[in-house]
Amino acid sequence: MKSASPIVSIEGKAIHDWPSFHDEFSVKIGFPSFYGRNGDAWIDCMTRVDDVASGLSSVTVDEGDLLTLQIEDASSWAKNCPDVWAGFQERAAFVNWRRIEQGDRAVLALSYHV
């Protein structure tokens, strides 16, 4: 029997600016020490969560599976930091678009808890 795809809980209340966004994701996804802490680096790491050999995250999924990002207190994040909230959603969509353009399957799913 195949195991369930991972669900990573992201604390929306912990995100109040771009540095805290990168802190939260670095810890929860397990980005490497050389993670660039910018939008392009986030996209690169998230694009390859199904590539264990890349070493770009400690949380990985099997090829063809989805990593679900469960956003806790999404309304709090969206209200308190709308620019980072919008940027996160745009980057997550770009990760999936990029993969599809390369002939791969989408790798991210988003779940919001208000």
Protein backbone atom coordinates (compact mmCIF):
# COMPACT_ATOMS: atom_id res chain seq x y z
CA MET A 1 0.00 0.00 0.00
CA LYS A 2 1.35 3.40 -0.96
CA SER A 3 1.84 5.96 1.81
CA ALA A 4 -0.10 9.21 1.81
CA SER A 5 1.46 12.32 0.34
CA PRO A 6 2.94 14.59 3.00
CA ILE A 7 1.06 17.52 4.48
CA VAL A 8 3.17 20.32 5.92
CA SER A 9 1.51 22.76 8.29
CA ILE A 10 2.59 26.38 7.76
CA GLU A 11 1.75 28.80 10.57
CA GLY A 12 0.19 31.88 9.01
CA LYS A 13 0.46 33.81 12.29
CA ALA A 14 4.24 33.35 12.16
CA ILE A 15 4.50 35.24 8.87
CA HIS A 16 4.53 39.02 9.12
CA ASP A 17 7.12 39.93 6.46
CA TRP A 18 9.40 38.32 3.86
CA PRO A 19 12.13 37.31 6.35
CA SER A 20 9.59 35.50 8.55
CA PHE A 21 8.12 33.83 5.43
CA HIS A 22 11.54 32.43 4.58
CA ASP A 23 12.12 31.43 8.23
CA GLU A 24 8.84 29.49 8.39
CA PHE A 25 9.37 27.65 5.11
CA SER A 26 13.06 26.99 5.78
CA VAL A 27 12.19 25.22 9.01
CA LYS A 28 9.02 23.43 7.88
CA ILE A 29 10.28 22.27 4.46
CA GLY A 30 13.88 21.83 5.51
CA PHE A 31 15.65 24.02 2.99
CA PRO A 32 19.46 23.66 2.89
CA SER A 33 21.82 26.02 4.70
CA PHE A 34 22.71 27.70 1.40
CA TYR A 35 19.04 28.60 0.72
CA GLY A 36 19.03 32.10 -0.80
CA ARG A 37 16.00 33.39 1.14
CA ASN A 38 14.41 35.05 -1.90
CA GLY A 39 11.56 34.28 -4.27
CA ASP A 40 13.68 32.58 -6.91
CA ALA A 41 15.36 30.33 -4.33
CA TRP A 42 11.95 29.40 -2.84
CA ILE A 43 10.65 28.51 -6.31
CA ASP A 44 13.75 26.43 -7.08
CA CYS A 45 13.52 24.46 -3.83
CA MET A 46 9.77 23.87 -4.08
CA THR A 47 9.99 22.88 -7.75
CA ARG A 48 12.26 19.99 -6.81
CA VAL A 49 10.55 18.54 -3.71
CA ASP A 50 10.22 15.28 -5.65
CA ASP A 51 13.96 15.14 -6.38
CA VAL A 52 15.56 13.70 -3.24
CA ALA A 53 19.02 13.77 -4.83
CA SER A 54 18.84 17.57 -5.25
CA GLY A 55 19.10 18.06 -1.48
CA LEU A 56 16.94 21.18 -1.71
CA SER A 57 14.49 20.09 1.00
CA SER A 58 14.22 17.53 3.76
CA VAL A 59 10.49 17.15 3.04
CA THR A 60 10.09 15.25 -0.21
CA VAL A 61 7.38 13.51 -2.18
CA ASP A 62 7.52 10.59 -4.55
CA GLU A 63 7.51 11.42 -8.25
CA GLY A 64 3.94 12.13 -9.31
CA ASP A 65 2.74 12.93 -5.78
CA LEU A 66 1.70 16.27 -4.29
CA LEU A 67 3.09 18.09 -1.31
CA THR A 68 0.18 19.75 0.48
CA LEU A 69 0.94 23.03 2.22
CA GLN A 70 -1.72 23.40 4.90
CA ILE A 71 -1.82 27.07 5.81
CA GLU A 72 -3.02 27.55 9.38
CA ASP A 73 -4.56 30.95 10.21
CA ALA A 74 -4.61 31.88 6.52
CA SER A 75 -6.95 34.82 7.12
CA SER A 76 -4.55 36.24 9.69
CA TRP A 77 -1.62 36.03 7.27
CA ALA A 78 -3.67 37.50 4.41
CA LYS A 79 -4.88 40.40 6.57
CA ASN A 80 -1.62 41.21 8.34
CA CYS A 81 0.73 40.80 5.40
CA PRO A 82 -1.19 40.91 2.11
CA ASP A 83 1.88 41.44 -0.10
CA VAL A 84 3.61 38.31 1.20
CA TRP A 85 0.32 36.38 1.07
CA ALA A 86 -0.19 37.29 -2.59
CA GLY A 87 3.47 36.62 -3.38
CA PHE A 88 3.26 33.16 -1.81
CA GLN A 89 0.22 32.22 -3.89
CA GLU A 90 1.82 33.52 -7.08
CA ARG A 91 5.04 31.59 -6.41
CA ALA A 92 3.19 28.37 -5.59
CA ALA A 93 1.23 28.66 -8.85
CA PHE A 94 4.45 29.38 -10.73
CA VAL A 95 6.07 26.22 -9.29
CA ASN A 96 3.26 24.09 -10.72
CA TRP A 97 3.17 26.00 -14.03
CA ARG A 98 6.93 25.62 -14.44
CA ARG A 99 6.76 21.88 -13.85
CA ILE A 100 3.88 21.43 -16.29
CA GLU A 101 5.76 23.46 -18.91
CA GLN A 102 8.71 21.05 -18.44
CA GLY A 103 6.45 18.03 -18.97
CA ASP A 104 6.20 17.12 -15.28
CA ARG A 105 3.15 17.00 -13.04
CA ALA A 106 2.19 19.70 -10.55
CA VAL A 107 3.81 19.13 -7.18
CA LEU A 108 2.09 21.57 -4.79
CA ALA A 109 -1.40 21.65 -3.35
CA LEU A 110 -2.59 24.39 -1.01
CA SER A 111 -5.07 24.01 1.82
CA TYR A 112 -6.27 26.98 3.83
CA HIS A 113 -7.56 26.95 7.38
CA VAL A 114 -8.95 30.31 8.45
